[in-house]
């Protein structure tokens, strides 16, 4: 997914794993925030 820096990808993957382990009712909200974060990050990568 990420064509840019590997540390960004590692941070993204660790965030996914932390969200997937989260059993709280905020899981869906966290997923929505992740989607917006991911889309913004991918747009930055695509501009390279």
Protein backbone atom coordinates (compact mmCIF):
# COMPACT_ATOMS: atom_id res chain seq x y z
CA UNK A 1 0.00 0.00 0.00
CA UNK A 2 2.69 2.48 0.95
CA UNK A 3 5.27 3.32 -1.66
CA UNK A 4 7.12 5.70 0.63
CA UNK A 5 8.88 5.34 3.96
CA UNK A 6 8.97 1.97 5.70
CA UNK A 7 8.59 3.60 9.13
CA UNK A 8 5.22 5.00 8.05
CA UNK A 9 4.10 1.52 7.05
CA UNK A 10 5.33 0.05 10.32
CA UNK A 11 3.44 2.71 12.29
CA UNK A 12 0.31 2.04 10.25
CA UNK A 13 0.54 -1.72 10.82
CA UNK A 14 1.13 -1.32 14.56
CA UNK A 15 -1.91 0.98 14.69
CA UNK A 16 -4.04 -1.63 12.92
CA UNK A 17 -2.90 -4.33 15.34
CA UNK A 18 -3.57 -2.12 18.37
CA UNK A 19 -7.07 -1.35 17.04
CA UNK A 20 -7.76 -5.01 16.24
CA UNK A 21 -6.88 -5.95 19.84
CA UNK A 22 -9.20 -3.23 21.16
CA UNK A 23 -12.54 -4.73 22.28
CA UNK A 24 -14.09 -1.39 23.29
CA UNK A 25 -17.26 0.08 21.70
CA UNK A 26 -14.99 2.69 20.12
CA UNK A 27 -13.61 0.12 17.68
CA UNK A 28 -15.75 1.34 14.79
CA UNK A 29 -14.89 4.98 15.50
CA UNK A 30 -11.20 4.06 15.60
CA UNK A 31 -11.57 2.27 12.27
CA UNK A 32 -13.18 5.36 10.73
CA UNK A 33 -10.33 7.55 12.00
CA UNK A 34 -7.85 5.03 10.61
CA UNK A 35 -9.53 5.21 7.21
CA UNK A 36 -9.24 9.00 7.08
CA UNK A 37 -5.63 8.83 8.26
CA UNK A 38 -4.84 6.16 5.68
CA UNK A 39 -6.45 8.10 2.82
CA UNK A 40 -4.56 11.28 3.72
CA UNK A 41 -1.29 9.37 3.96
CA UNK A 42 -1.83 7.58 0.65
CA UNK A 43 -2.58 10.88 -1.10
CA UNK A 44 0.74 12.23 0.17
CA UNK A 45 2.52 9.13 -1.13
CA UNK A 46 0.80 9.34 -4.52
CA UNK A 47 2.06 12.90 -5.02
CA UNK A 48 5.69 11.73 -5.12
